[in-house]
Amino acid sequence: MKTTISIIINSVEEKEPLDLFPETEDSFRHEIRIEYLYDTNLNQGILNASGDYIIFLDQHDTLLESGLKAIIQKALLHDSDIIIGAAYREDIGLIWNRDRLFKEEKINTNLNETPYLIYDSILSNKMFKRLFLMKNNITFTKDNKFNHQLFAIQSFSLSQKITVIPKITCRWSNRKKIKGKKSNRLNLIELEQRLLIIKEIDKIYRERLNSECIDVKNEMFLRKDLLVFLNDILYGDESHIESSLALIKEYIESIDEGIFTKLKAIDRLKYYLLKRDLIDELLQVLRFQKEFYTPVTVAISQRVYANFPFFMDEKYRIPKEVYDVTNEMQVVTELDSVKLNNGTLFVKGIAYLNYLDFRDKEGIEKQLIFRSRKTNEEYPFPLNNQRIDDRVIKRGNGYYYYLYAGFESEINLSHVLKRVEYECYDVFIHLKFNDITKEHYIFTISNGEAFVEFNKQLKYDLYTSNVGSPSLVNDVTINENDTIIFTGNGYVGFTDLDEDHYFIRNLLLHNKVTNETHRLGLHVNILDEEKLLEMNSGLFFKTNLEFLSYIPSRFNSGIWEFKVSTREADGFEIMAPVKTELFAYSEGSFQINNDNFYLSSFNTLDKDLLLNFYNKEQKKDLKLEQKLKKTNEQLEKVKRKLRYMEESFSWKITKPIRFIRKLLSKK
């Protein structure tokens, strides 16, 4: 018997139904029936629906075929009441709430176990069991534009079977945020509607949920729902400002003071002023945030405070804790070079704290901390403070100067780390500025090699040789040092490129369950080679290659797939050698996949293939030469025309002058 999915589209205009599961895909299409209903009255839509499951879709949102298939399969497998997939927000180009909710799969959880569900109250990325909605009489509140939030929270609070999967299910347009579609948040009725919904949600939380959930809910309302209105009051008239602030103040009076400490300092300050009826001062802070948000900071003992308006002002005596930005500070790092050779590490780069001034050497201490994966022991190595060039001078917006953020050190590891070639170490940079300390992961040493993640903006001194990519994997293992070693056939091209132009190979690890991705450094050793062809651009070889990389610390859980990417030094990806993974890892074992390669002919790389490539390049060069010749001819024509115009213009000017001179001479 087919499972029916009712898609209720919030629109009166009927459109051509989506062909979600084409016949070419698999038999899944024959197990599912899609029912489309168009109705702006969603409660009536629920009554009219005949499906086992219901999806609510706004007319501007788009369901994604692969995501929809994934949530349907999970629903049928686990008999869940609610299945949630990730939503891609088109207005900001990001997955909505990815870090809070969609890092890992959750099967049949509930709101008490997963309190951050409250952050995801849109409907387009969710599928509800129809009988669950009918049994619990869950409906939409009439005449309230925020009724979707209450509907979602009611559903979450009554279900013990909520499944979350880290798979994009829909593209959410969020029409209110899209440029040119600005919503009228200043409308007092809209704020009243939002507060009515918030108060109904408060009742649900008091009756059914634990204190941790209540704290998460209150923090979200302060960070998101109420802050949107508070930040926009600058654009309203006097009556709107007064009425809106009165409504917000009335609500926040009941929120525990401890929740405000979790907010950013600038937002803590706004709520502090509102609670004390300092309205003019609040408006001044809002204007300050709009024009000069970068905080000028003051370091006191082990904390850092932002010099926002009224800081240390005797008239207001606002506690300095309101201005505390210590937890907001970030360690910013960029590596220019990392080389490990015979136990000696050479490392060069920059590191600084974004809210502190690195203008002088005094008070700045930098260390590399090597942390053993096996024993968790730490080994510190000091780094020098080096004056750097102007590349970060503008980053402080004129408030901070990171002149001594640089470091360049050569460290003999073999004296301290006796087993550097046989163990795995995660390396952190540790920054101490006076009494303030922070640390940040930067790279990993495994099996005597240094591996740097791609997104650390390394200049890639490690990867200057143009070694190739695998086309056929023979074997793959993980040794005791958490190093991945695999061998395969491939190709290598040694070219006469200048030293700034080279390629980077990275090992891509993708967790199929959590959607977590790592782009790791990759070393390649040539075991043996056979010369294939010599060209003007270099030599090409058929090779037997050995690839080495390391595994991330959270590797043991989930199902991982492995790919290799090729990039130019500036980060532009020029080739992905395979369409599918090279191999996968699950439950302690590897499964090698030698099908569906990007260029299957890599397996039998020969002279004909390379000659074909070479001939294509020659044709491109010939076309370029012809185009250049034509351009030069056109340029010559333009030059000749300019000379003619010059001469013509000169004659037109000189002729009347000569005539005048002639007349004058006669006189």
Foldseek 3Di string as FASTA:
>chain_A
DAAEEEEEELAPDDDDDDPLDDPVPDCNVVRYHYHYHYHNFVQVVLVPDPGQKYAYHYPPKFFHSVLVVVQVVLCVVQVFQKEFEWEQEPQVRHTQCLVLAQQFKDWQAACQVRLCVLSDQDGRRMMGGSVLCVVVVQHFDPPAPPRSSLSSLVSRLPGSGYIYFHHHTMYDHPQCNHPPNPDPLLPPVNLVSLVVSLVVSVVSCVVGYDPVSVLSSVLCCLVPVLVVNLLPCLVDDPVSNVSSLVVVLVVCVPPDPVSLLPDALLSSVLNVCSVVVVSVVSSVSSVCCVPPVQFQWDDDAAWIFGPGPPVVPPVVCDDRSSRTCLVVKDKQWAWADWFFDPQKIKTKTFIDILNDAQPDQPQKWKWKWWAFLVPRDIDIDTWHFAFDDCPCQCVNVPNHGNRRRITIDMGRRCVPCVVLQAAKIFIKMWITGNNYIDIDTAWMRFNRGIKGFPVSNYLPPVFQAQQWDAQAWDDWDQDPRQKIKTKHKFKGWGFPDPSSKGKAKWKWKAFPRSRDITTMHKDKDFPDWDWADQDPGTTMITTIMMMMTGDDSPPPDGKMFIFMWMGISVGHTDDGFFPGGQWMDDPHDIGGDNPGTPDNCRVVDHNVVVVVVVVVVVVVVVVVVVVVVVVVVVVVVVVVVVVVVVVVVVCVVVVVVVVVVVVVVVD
